[in-house]
PDB file of N, CA and C in Angstrom:
ATOM      1  N   MET A   1       0.912  -1.176  -0.124  1.00  0.00           N
ATOM      2  CA  MET A   1       0.070   0.004  -0.166  1.00  0.00           C
ATOM      3  C   MET A   1       0.820   1.114   0.127  1.00  0.00           C
ATOM      4  N   THR A   2       2.127   1.156   0.512  1.00  0.00           N
ATOM      5  CA  THR A   2       3.222   2.452   0.524  1.00  0.00           C
ATOM      6  C   THR A   2       3.621   2.629  -0.948  1.00  0.00           C
ATOM      7  N   TRP A   3       3.755   1.627  -1.693  1.00  0.00           N
ATOM      8  CA  TRP A   3       4.292   1.928  -3.054  1.00  0.00           C
ATOM      9  C   TRP A   3       3.651   2.727  -3.798  1.00  0.00           C
ATOM     10  N   ASP A   4       4.428   3.600  -4.838  1.00  0.00           N
ATOM     11  CA  ASP A   4       3.713   4.315  -5.652  1.00  0.00           C
ATOM     12  C   ASP A   4       3.492   3.470  -6.914  1.00  0.00           C
ATOM     13  N   ASP A   5       3.062   3.903  -8.143  1.00  0.00           N
ATOM     14  CA  ASP A   5       2.948   3.182  -9.329  1.00  0.00           C
ATOM     15  C   ASP A   5       4.122   2.605  -9.857  1.00  0.00           C
ATOM     16  N   ILE A   6       5.207   3.568  -9.933  1.00  0.00           N
ATOM     17  CA  ILE A   6       6.474   2.955 -10.421  1.00  0.00           C
ATOM     18  C   ILE A   6       7.125   1.931  -9.562  1.00  0.00           C
ATOM     19  N   THR A   7       6.929   2.060  -8.457  1.00  0.00           N
ATOM     20  CA  THR A   7       7.628   0.954  -7.488  1.00  0.00           C
ATOM     21  C   THR A   7       6.893  -0.388  -7.633  1.00  0.00           C
ATOM     22  N   PHE A   8       5.662  -0.280  -7.861  1.00  0.00           N
ATOM     23  CA  PHE A   8       4.814  -1.545  -8.062  1.00  0.00           C
ATOM     24  C   PHE A   8       5.237  -1.987  -9.459  1.00  0.00           C
ATOM     25  N   LEU A   9       5.191  -1.239 -10.412  1.00  0.00           N
ATOM     26  CA  LEU A   9       5.734  -1.854 -11.680  1.00  0.00           C
ATOM     27  C   LEU A   9       7.016  -2.329 -11.749  1.00  0.00           C
ATOM     28  N   ASN A  10       7.879  -1.759 -11.192  1.00  0.00           N
ATOM     29  CA  ASN A  10       9.323  -2.155 -10.871  1.00  0.00           C
ATOM     30  C   ASN A  10       9.427  -3.646 -10.331  1.00  0.00           C
ATOM     31  N   LYS A  11       8.540  -3.753  -9.353  1.00  0.00           N
ATOM     32  CA  LYS A  11       8.712  -4.785  -8.660  1.00  0.00           C
ATOM     33  C   LYS A  11       7.956  -5.905  -9.365  1.00  0.00           C
ATOM     34  N   ALA A  12       6.987  -5.806  -9.945  1.00  0.00           N
ATOM     35  CA  ALA A  12       6.352  -6.696 -10.848  1.00  0.00           C
ATOM     36  C   ALA A  12       7.215  -7.189 -12.031  1.00  0.00           C
ATOM     37  N   LYS A  13       8.388  -6.446 -12.340  1.00  0.00           N
ATOM     38  CA  LYS A  13       9.087  -6.503 -13.618  1.00  0.00           C
ATOM     39  C   LYS A  13       8.406  -6.163 -14.863  1.00  0.00           C
ATOM     40  N   ILE A  14       7.514  -5.344 -14.744  1.00  0.00           N
ATOM     41  CA  ILE A  14       6.684  -4.880 -15.808  1.00  0.00           C
ATOM     42  C   ILE A  14       7.628  -3.807 -16.270  1.00  0.00           C
ATOM     43  N   THR A  15       8.071  -2.883 -15.603  1.00  0.00           N
ATOM     44  CA  THR A  15       9.334  -1.928 -16.044  1.00  0.00           C
ATOM     45  C   THR A  15      10.658  -2.248 -15.289  1.00  0.00           C
ATOM     46  N   ILE A  16      11.482  -1.991 -15.869  1.00  0.00           N
ATOM     47  CA  ILE A  16      12.759  -1.867 -15.160  1.00  0.00           C
ATOM     48  C   ILE A  16      13.332  -0.451 -15.082  1.00  0.00           C
ATOM     49  N   ARG A  17      13.568  -0.045 -13.925  1.00  0.00           N
ATOM     50  CA  ARG A  17      14.047   1.247 -13.576  1.00  0.00           C
ATOM     51  C   ARG A  17      13.142   2.416 -14.233  1.00  0.00           C
ATOM     52  N   GLY A  18      11.850   2.012 -14.258  1.00  0.00           N
ATOM     53  CA  GLY A  18      10.914   2.919 -14.923  1.00  0.00           C
ATOM     54  C   GLY A  18      10.865   2.899 -16.555  1.00  0.00           C
ATOM     55  N   LYS A  19      11.594   1.942 -16.917  1.00  0.00           N
ATOM     56  CA  LYS A  19      11.312   1.750 -18.523  1.00  0.00           C
ATOM     57  C   LYS A  19      10.686   0.507 -18.829  1.00  0.00           C
ATOM     58  N   ILE A  20       9.829   0.858 -19.896  1.00  0.00           N
ATOM     59  CA  ILE A  20       8.834  -0.315 -20.116  1.00  0.00           C
ATOM     60  C   ILE A  20       9.842  -1.726 -20.989  1.00  0.00           C
ATOM     61  N   THR A  21       9.474  -2.781 -20.326  1.00  0.00           N
ATOM     62  CA  THR A  21      10.030  -4.141 -20.800  1.00  0.00           C
ATOM     63  C   THR A  21       9.330  -4.700 -22.034  1.00  0.00           C
ATOM     64  N   ASN A  22       9.869  -5.678 -22.673  1.00  0.00           N
ATOM     65  CA  ASN A  22       9.326  -6.248 -23.808  1.00  0.00           C
ATOM     66  C   ASN A  22       7.978  -7.149 -23.414  1.00  0.00           C
ATOM     67  N   THR A  23       8.332  -7.698 -22.105  1.00  0.00           N
ATOM     68  CA  THR A  23       7.226  -8.300 -21.532  1.00  0.00           C
ATOM     69  C   THR A  23       5.707  -7.483 -21.197  1.00  0.00           C
ATOM     70  N   ALA A  24       6.061  -6.156 -20.733  1.00  0.00           N
ATOM     71  CA  ALA A  24       4.896  -5.435 -20.652  1.00  0.00           C
ATOM     72  C   ALA A  24       4.244  -5.175 -22.162  1.00  0.00           C
ATOM     73  N   ILE A  25       4.980  -4.994 -23.089  1.00  0.00           N
ATOM     74  CA  ILE A  25       4.531  -4.629 -24.507  1.00  0.00           C
ATOM     75  C   ILE A  25       3.804  -5.975 -24.726  1.00  0.00           C
ATOM     76  N   VAL A  26       4.098  -7.210 -24.635  1.00  0.00           N
ATOM     77  CA  VAL A  26       3.555  -8.378 -25.138  1.00  0.00           C
ATOM     78  C   VAL A  26       2.274  -8.574 -24.346  1.00  0.00           C
ATOM     79  N   LEU A  27       2.401  -8.606 -22.901  1.00  0.00           N
ATOM     80  CA  LEU A  27       1.309  -8.812 -21.916  1.00  0.00           C
ATOM     81  C   LEU A  27       0.012  -7.660 -22.152  1.00  0.00           C
ATOM     82  N   LEU A  28       0.767  -6.597 -21.920  1.00  0.00           N
ATOM     83  CA  LEU A  28      -0.197  -5.234 -21.681  1.00  0.00           C
ATOM     84  C   LEU A  28      -0.465  -4.568 -22.982  1.00  0.00           C
ATOM     85  N   GLY A  29       0.406  -4.178 -23.963  1.00  0.00           N
ATOM     86  CA  GLY A  29       0.490  -3.390 -24.676  1.00  0.00           C
ATOM     87  C   GLY A  29      -0.578  -3.378 -25.739  1.00  0.00           C
ATOM     88  N   LYS A  30      -0.767  -2.416 -26.629  1.00  0.00           N
ATOM     89  CA  LYS A  30      -1.659  -2.155 -27.683  1.00  0.00           C
ATOM     90  C   LYS A  30      -1.376  -2.875 -28.879  1.00  0.00           C
ATOM     91  N   GLU A  31      -2.061  -3.387 -29.629  1.00  0.00           N
ATOM     92  CA  GLU A  31      -1.599  -3.803 -30.888  1.00  0.00           C
ATOM     93  C   GLU A  31      -0.562  -3.416 -31.631  1.00  0.00           C
ATOM     94  N   GLU A  32      -0.735  -2.029 -31.945  1.00  0.00           N
ATOM     95  CA  GLU A  32      -0.146  -1.056 -32.528  1.00  0.00           C
ATOM     96  C   GLU A  32       1.438  -0.749 -31.837  1.00  0.00           C
ATOM     97  N   SER A  33       1.496  -1.422 -30.676  1.00  0.00           N
ATOM     98  CA  SER A  33       2.889  -1.120 -30.189  1.00  0.00           C
ATOM     99  C   SER A  33       3.642  -2.331 -30.211  1.00  0.00           C
ATOM    100  N   GLU A  34       3.403  -3.260 -31.054  1.00  0.00           N
ATOM    101  CA  GLU A  34       4.075  -4.683 -31.192  1.00  0.00           C
ATOM    102  C   GLU A  34       5.486  -4.076 -32.164  1.00  0.00           C
ATOM    103  N   TYR A  35       5.469  -3.208 -32.723  1.00  0.00           N
ATOM    104  CA  TYR A  35       6.702  -2.745 -33.593  1.00  0.00           C
ATOM    105  C   TYR A  35       7.916  -2.260 -32.542  1.00  0.00           C
ATOM    106  N   LEU A  36       7.437  -2.220 -31.625  1.00  0.00           N
ATOM    107  CA  LEU A  36       8.446  -2.026 -30.389  1.00  0.00           C
ATOM    108  C   LEU A  36       9.521  -2.936 -30.121  1.00  0.00           C
ATOM    109  N   ILE A  37       8.930  -4.177 -29.998  1.00  0.00           N
ATOM    110  CA  ILE A  37       9.827  -5.153 -29.693  1.00  0.00           C
ATOM    111  C   ILE A  37      10.615  -5.911 -31.170  1.00  0.00           C
ATOM    112  N   SER A  38      10.241  -5.324 -32.327  1.00  0.00           N
ATOM    113  CA  SER A  38      10.973  -5.810 -33.611  1.00  0.00           C
ATOM    114  C   SER A  38      12.524  -5.898 -33.068  1.00  0.00           C
ATOM    115  N   PRO A  39      12.979  -7.223 -33.980  1.00  0.00           N
ATOM    116  CA  PRO A  39      12.467  -7.937 -34.796  1.00  0.00           C
ATOM    117  C   PRO A  39      11.608  -9.200 -34.483  1.00  0.00           C
ATOM    118  N   ALA A  40      11.449  -9.130 -32.972  1.00  0.00           N
ATOM    119  CA  ALA A  40      10.571 -10.314 -32.425  1.00  0.00           C
ATOM    120  C   ALA A  40       9.082  -9.945 -32.944  1.00  0.00           C
ATOM    121  N   ILE A  41       8.587 -11.403 -33.069  1.00  0.00           N
ATOM    122  CA  ILE A  41       6.966 -10.939 -33.407  1.00  0.00           C
ATOM    123  C   ILE A  41       6.216 -11.832 -32.313  1.00  0.00           C
ATOM    124  N   ALA A  42       5.033 -11.131 -32.088  1.00  0.00           N
ATOM    125  CA  ALA A  42       4.343 -11.243 -30.930  1.00  0.00           C
ATOM    126  C   ALA A  42       2.730 -11.717 -31.341  1.00  0.00           C
ATOM    127  N   LYS A  43       2.793 -12.965 -31.435  1.00  0.00           N
ATOM    128  CA  LYS A  43       1.362 -13.433 -32.503  1.00  0.00           C
ATOM    129  C   LYS A  43       1.099 -14.888 -31.950  1.00  0.00           C
ATOM    130  N   ILE A  44      -0.118 -15.244 -31.718  1.00  0.00           N
ATOM    131  CA  ILE A  44      -0.660 -16.378 -31.186  1.00  0.00           C
ATOM    132  C   ILE A  44      -1.583 -16.896 -32.376  1.00  0.00           C
ATOM    133  N   LYS A  45      -1.270 -18.237 -33.056  1.00  0.00           N
ATOM    134  CA  LYS A  45      -1.897 -18.752 -34.043  1.00  0.00           C
ATOM    135  C   LYS A  45      -2.660 -19.629 -33.553  1.00  0.00           C
ATOM    136  N   TRP A  46      -4.275 -19.722 -34.124  1.00  0.00           N
ATOM    137  CA  TRP A  46      -5.256 -20.878 -33.718  1.00  0.00           C
ATOM    138  C   TRP A  46      -5.378 -21.576 -35.287  1.00  0.00           C
ATOM    139  N   ILE A  47      -5.299 -22.589 -35.612  1.00  0.00           N
ATOM    140  CA  ILE A  47      -6.021 -23.358 -36.846  1.00  0.00           C
ATOM    141  C   ILE A  47      -7.279 -24.514 -36.113  1.00  0.00           C
ATOM    142  N   LEU A  48      -8.212 -24.575 -36.805  1.00  0.00           N
ATOM    143  CA  LEU A  48      -8.807 -25.462 -36.737  1.00  0.00           C
ATOM    144  C   LEU A  48      -8.782 -26.446 -38.240  1.00  0.00           C
ATOM    145  N   ARG A  49      -8.525 -27.736 -38.177  1.00  0.00           N
ATOM    146  CA  ARG A  49      -8.153 -28.576 -39.136  1.00  0.00           C
ATOM    147  C   ARG A  49      -9.201 -29.444 -39.023  1.00  0.00           C
ATOM    148  N   GLY A  50      -9.881 -30.175 -40.077  1.00  0.00           N
ATOM    149  CA  GLY A  50     -10.855 -31.147 -40.383  1.00  0.00           C
ATOM    150  C   GLY A  50     -10.226 -32.540 -40.241  1.00  0.00           C
ATOM    151  N   ALA A  51     -11.305 -33.498 -40.385  1.00  0.00           N
ATOM    152  CA  ALA A  51     -10.388 -35.013 -40.423  1.00  0.00           C
ATOM    153  C   ALA A  51      -9.675 -34.975 -41.711  1.00  0.00           C
ATOM    154  N   ASP A  52      -9.865 -34.203 -42.512  1.00  0.00           N
ATOM    155  CA  ASP A  52      -9.018 -34.423 -43.927  1.00  0.00           C
ATOM    156  C   ASP A  52      -7.808 -33.709 -43.781  1.00  0.00           C
ATOM    157  N   ASN A  53      -7.574 -33.061 -42.472  1.00  0.00           N
ATOM    158  CA  ASN A  53      -6.500 -32.212 -42.173  1.00  0.00           C
ATOM    159  C   ASN A  53      -6.430 -31.034 -43.119  1.00  0.00           C
ATOM    160  N   ILE A  54      -7.636 -30.423 -43.465  1.00  0.00           N
ATOM    161  CA  ILE A  54      -7.511 -29.343 -44.237  1.00  0.00           C
ATOM    162  C   ILE A  54      -8.059 -28.186 -43.354  1.00  0.00           C
ATOM    163  N   GLU A  55      -7.625 -27.099 -43.515  1.00  0.00           N
ATOM    164  CA  GLU A  55      -7.883 -25.868 -42.562  1.00  0.00           C
ATOM    165  C   GLU A  55      -9.206 -25.381 -42.795  1.00  0.00           C
ATOM    166  N   ARG A  56      -9.814 -25.359 -41.818  1.00  0.00           N
ATOM    167  CA  ARG A  56     -11.095 -24.859 -41.591  1.00  0.00           C
ATOM    168  C   ARG A  56     -11.486 -23.731 -41.187  1.00  0.00           C
ATOM    169  N   ASP A  57     -10.659 -23.175 -40.400  1.00  0.00           N
ATOM    170  CA  ASP A  57     -10.810 -21.702 -39.701  1.00  0.00           C
ATOM    171  C   ASP A  57      -9.547 -21.389 -39.227  1.00  0.00           C
ATOM    172  N   TYR A  58      -9.211 -20.323 -39.119  1.00  0.00           N
ATOM    173  CA  TYR A  58      -7.999 -19.940 -38.177  1.00  0.00           C
ATOM    174  C   TYR A  58      -8.089 -18.540 -37.454  1.00  0.00           C
ATOM    175  N   MET A  59      -7.416 -18.201 -36.493  1.00  0.00           N
ATOM    176  CA  MET A  59      -7.354 -16.510 -36.030  1.00  0.00           C
ATOM    177  C   MET A  59      -6.078 -16.471 -35.523  1.00  0.00           C
ATOM    178  N   ILE A  60      -5.194 -15.263 -35.892  1.00  0.00           N
ATOM    179  CA  ILE A  60      -3.911 -14.668 -35.421  1.00  0.00           C
ATOM    180  C   ILE A  60      -4.338 -13.608 -34.276  1.00  0.00           C
ATOM    181  N   ALA A  61      -3.949 -13.918 -33.055  1.00  0.00           N
ATOM    182  CA  ALA A  61      -4.159 -12.702 -32.142  1.00  0.00           C
ATOM    183  C   ALA A  61      -2.638 -12.265 -32.150  1.00  0.00           C
ATOM    184  N   THR A  62      -2.533 -10.848 -31.289  1.00  0.00           N
ATOM    185  CA  THR A  62      -1.544 -10.121 -31.229  1.00  0.00           C
ATOM    186  C   THR A  62      -1.829  -9.431 -29.883  1.00  0.00           C
ATOM    187  N   CYS A  63      -0.887  -8.845 -29.419  1.00  0.00           N
ATOM    188  CA  CYS A  63      -0.818  -7.858 -28.205  1.00  0.00           C
ATOM    189  C   CYS A  63      -2.107  -7.250 -27.932  1.00  0.00           C
ATOM    190  N   PRO A  64      -2.603  -7.233 -26.929  1.00  0.00           N
ATOM    191  CA  PRO A  64      -2.186  -7.650 -25.356  1.00  0.00           C
ATOM    192  C   PRO A  64      -2.371  -9.123 -25.237  1.00  0.00           C
ATOM    193  N   PHE A  65      -1.455 -10.322 -25.133  1.00  0.00           N
ATOM    194  CA  PHE A  65      -1.612 -11.327 -24.939  1.00  0.00           C
ATOM    195  C   PHE A  65      -2.760 -11.524 -23.581  1.00  0.00           C
ATOM    196  N   VAL A  66      -2.680 -10.917 -22.523  1.00  0.00           N
ATOM    197  CA  VAL A  66      -3.828 -10.917 -21.704  1.00  0.00           C
ATOM    198  C   VAL A  66      -5.161 -11.180 -22.117  1.00  0.00           C
ATOM    199  N   LEU A  67      -5.435 -10.363 -23.047  1.00  0.00           N
ATOM    200  CA  LEU A  67      -6.655 -10.339 -23.635  1.00  0.00           C
ATOM    201  C   LEU A  67      -6.824 -11.351 -24.603  1.00  0.00           C
ATOM    202  N   ALA A  68      -5.719 -11.492 -25.502  1.00  0.00           N
ATOM    203  CA  ALA A  68      -5.788 -12.536 -26.812  1.00  0.00           C
ATOM    204  C   ALA A  68      -6.022 -13.985 -26.319  1.00  0.00           C
ATOM    205  N   ILE A  69      -5.362 -14.326 -25.332  1.00  0.00           N
ATOM    206  CA  ILE A  69      -5.598 -16.016 -24.912  1.00  0.00           C
ATOM    207  C   ILE A  69      -7.063 -16.164 -24.637  1.00  0.00           C
ATOM    208  N   ASP A  70      -7.909 -15.446 -24.220  1.00  0.00           N
ATOM    209  CA  ASP A  70      -9.372 -15.622 -23.771  1.00  0.00           C
ATOM    210  C   ASP A  70      -9.957 -15.457 -25.022  1.00  0.00           C
ATOM    211  N   ARG A  71      -9.615 -14.735 -26.187  1.00  0.00           N
ATOM    212  CA  ARG A  71     -10.199 -14.885 -27.449  1.00  0.00           C
ATOM    213  C   ARG A  71      -9.785 -15.952 -28.025  1.00  0.00           C
ATOM    214  N   ILE A  72      -8.433 -16.850 -28.262  1.00  0.00           N
ATOM    215  CA  ILE A  72      -8.212 -17.820 -28.402  1.00  0.00           C
ATOM    216  C   ILE A  72      -8.948 -19.173 -27.877  1.00  0.00           C
ATOM    217  N   TYR A  73      -9.042 -19.211 -26.571  1.00  0.00           N
ATOM    218  CA  TYR A  73      -9.776 -20.172 -25.773  1.00  0.00           C
ATOM    219  C   TYR A  73     -11.351 -20.398 -26.201  1.00  0.00           C
ATOM    220  N   GLU A  74     -11.825 -19.150 -26.497  1.00  0.00           N
ATOM    221  CA  GLU A  74     -13.392 -19.230 -26.866  1.00  0.00           C
ATOM    222  C   GLU A  74     -13.540 -20.028 -28.293  1.00  0.00           C
ATOM    223  N   LYS A  75     -12.356 -20.067 -28.967  1.00  0.00           N
ATOM    224  CA  LYS A  75     -12.307 -20.891 -30.291  1.00  0.00           C
ATOM    225  C   LYS A  75     -12.022 -22.404 -30.200  1.00  0.00           C
ATOM    226  N   ILE A  76     -11.529 -22.901 -29.149  1.00  0.00           N
ATOM    227  CA  ILE A  76     -11.190 -24.315 -28.836  1.00  0.00           C
ATOM    228  C   ILE A  76     -12.433 -25.049 -28.897  1.00  0.00           C
ATOM    229  N   ARG A  77     -12.355 -26.160 -29.311  1.00  0.00           N
ATOM    230  CA  ARG A  77     -13.392 -27.327 -29.322  1.00  0.00           C
ATOM    231  C   ARG A  77     -12.870 -28.670 -29.628  1.00  0.00           C
ATOM    232  N   ASN A  78     -13.556 -29.382 -29.116  1.00  0.00           N
ATOM    233  CA  ASN A  78     -13.044 -30.846 -29.408  1.00  0.00           C
ATOM    234  C   ASN A  78     -13.977 -31.380 -30.659  1.00  0.00           C
ATOM    235  N   LEU A  79     -13.313 -31.776 -31.524  1.00  0.00           N
ATOM    236  CA  LEU A  79     -13.959 -32.396 -32.787  1.00  0.00           C
ATOM    237  C   LEU A  79     -14.424 -34.014 -32.550  1.00  0.00           C
ATOM    238  N   LYS A  80     -13.848 -34.576 -31.576  1.00  0.00           N
ATOM    239  CA  LYS A  80     -14.282 -35.851 -31.090  1.00  0.00           C
ATOM    240  C   LYS A  80     -14.673 -35.425 -29.624  1.00  0.00           C
ATOM    241  N   TYR A  81     -15.528 -36.348 -29.128  1.00  0.00           N
ATOM    242  CA  TYR A  81     -16.052 -36.407 -27.626  1.00  0.00           C
ATOM    243  C   TYR A  81     -15.545 -37.823 -27.221  1.00  0.00           C
ATOM    244  N   ARG A  82     -14.960 -38.107 -26.042  1.00  0.00           N
ATOM    245  CA  ARG A  82     -14.484 -39.166 -25.247  1.00  0.00           C
ATOM    246  C   ARG A  82     -15.516 -39.281 -24.062  1.00  0.00           C
ATOM    247  N   TYR A  83     -16.160 -40.533 -23.908  1.00  0.00           N
ATOM    248  CA  TYR A  83     -16.859 -40.835 -22.731  1.00  0.00           C
ATOM    249  C   TYR A  83     -16.576 -42.269 -22.335  1.00  0.00           C
ATOM    250  N   ILE A  84     -16.897 -42.456 -21.141  1.00  0.00           N
ATOM    251  CA  ILE A  84     -17.040 -44.018 -20.858  1.00  0.00           C
ATOM    252  C   ILE A  84     -18.386 -44.257 -20.257  1.00  0.00           C
ATOM    253  N   ASN A  85     -18.818 -45.145 -21.183  1.00  0.00           N
ATOM    254  CA  ASN A  85     -20.258 -45.592 -21.150  1.00  0.00           C
ATOM    255  C   ASN A  85     -20.190 -46.692 -19.978  1.00  0.00           C
ATOM    256  N   PRO A  86     -20.892 -46.485 -18.822  1.00  0.00           N
ATOM    257  CA  PRO A  86     -21.024 -47.463 -17.641  1.00  0.00           C
ATOM    258  C   PRO A  86     -21.836 -48.753 -18.143  1.00  0.00           C
ATOM    259  N   LEU A  87     -22.393 -48.799 -19.365  1.00  0.00           N
ATOM    260  CA  LEU A  87     -23.203 -50.004 -19.419  1.00  0.00           C
ATOM    261  C   LEU A  87     -22.046 -51.157 -20.207  1.00  0.00           C
ATOM    262  N   HIS A  88     -21.027 -50.756 -20.595  1.00  0.00           N
ATOM    263  CA  HIS A  88     -19.977 -51.528 -21.162  1.00  0.00           C
ATOM    264  C   HIS A  88     -19.129 -52.122 -20.529  1.00  0.00           C
ATOM    265  N   LYS A  89     -18.970 -51.720 -19.233  1.00  0.00           N
ATOM    266  CA  LYS A  89     -18.210 -52.215 -17.841  1.00  0.00           C
ATOM    267  C   LYS A  89     -16.787 -52.084 -18.439  1.00  0.00           C
ATOM    268  N   THR A  90     -16.180 -51.009 -19.088  1.00  0.00           N
ATOM    269  CA  THR A  90     -14.605 -50.948 -19.687  1.00  0.00           C
ATOM    270  C   THR A  90     -14.189 -49.423 -19.220  1.00  0.00           C
ATOM    271  N   LEU A  91     -12.900 -49.424 -19.000  1.00  0.00           N
ATOM    272  CA  LEU A  91     -12.157 -48.200 -19.093  1.00  0.00           C
ATOM    273  C   LEU A  91     -11.980 -47.462 -20.276  1.00  0.00           C
ATOM    274  N   PHE A  92     -12.126 -48.169 -21.344  1.00  0.00           N
ATOM    275  CA  PHE A  92     -11.547 -47.534 -22.568  1.00  0.00           C
ATOM    276  C   PHE A  92     -12.922 -46.870 -23.010  1.00  0.00           C
ATOM    277  N   PRO A  93     -12.620 -45.336 -23.209  1.00  0.00           N
ATOM    278  CA  PRO A  93     -13.579 -44.523 -23.627  1.00  0.00           C
ATOM    279  C   PRO A  93     -14.056 -44.599 -25.016  1.00  0.00           C
ATOM    280  N   GLU A  94     -15.246 -44.258 -25.294  1.00  0.00           N
ATOM    281  CA  GLU A  94     -15.897 -44.608 -26.952  1.00  0.00           C
ATOM    282  C   GLU A  94     -15.636 -43.097 -27.415  1.00  0.00           C
ATOM    283  N   GLU A  95     -15.503 -43.127 -28.810  1.00  0.00           N
ATOM    284  CA  GLU A  95     -15.225 -41.506 -29.241  1.00  0.00           C
ATOM    285  C   GLU A  95     -16.417 -41.336 -30.244  1.00  0.00           C
ATOM    286  N   ILE A  96     -17.023 -40.153 -30.055  1.00  0.00           N
ATOM    287  CA  ILE A  96     -18.088 -39.889 -31.153  1.00  0.00           C
ATOM    288  C   ILE A  96     -17.592 -38.541 -31.806  1.00  0.00           C
ATOM    289  N   SER A  97     -17.646 -38.218 -32.931  1.00  0.00           N
ATOM    290  CA  SER A  97     -17.430 -37.117 -33.779  1.00  0.00           C
ATOM    291  C   SER A  97     -18.524 -36.253 -33.555  1.00  0.00           C
ATOM    292  N   ALA A  98     -17.982 -34.937 -33.450  1.00  0.00           N
ATOM    293  CA  ALA A  98     -19.119 -33.820 -32.956  1.00  0.00           C
ATOM    294  C   ALA A  98     -19.634 -33.283 -34.561  1.00  0.00           C
TER     295      ALA A  98
END
């Protein structure tokens, strides 16, 4: 509670001696601030492939990663569902395509 904003950001390693780090840009920066970490590239790519291994959908997310991971997570889904049928008395799951 006694720390000012600069001290807090330095202790959290978001800044070092009051200067913004690459980590801060990747996690918290605006999309247009990505050029500041050049030549590095800060992107997360999600691809949905069908049973025939052909791309059906994709998404490329960039800074801020704190928000990008939620957008990517919403896209993830299982194309096959596995469940254990209690009637078959086995530990091997059955697979059903979605």
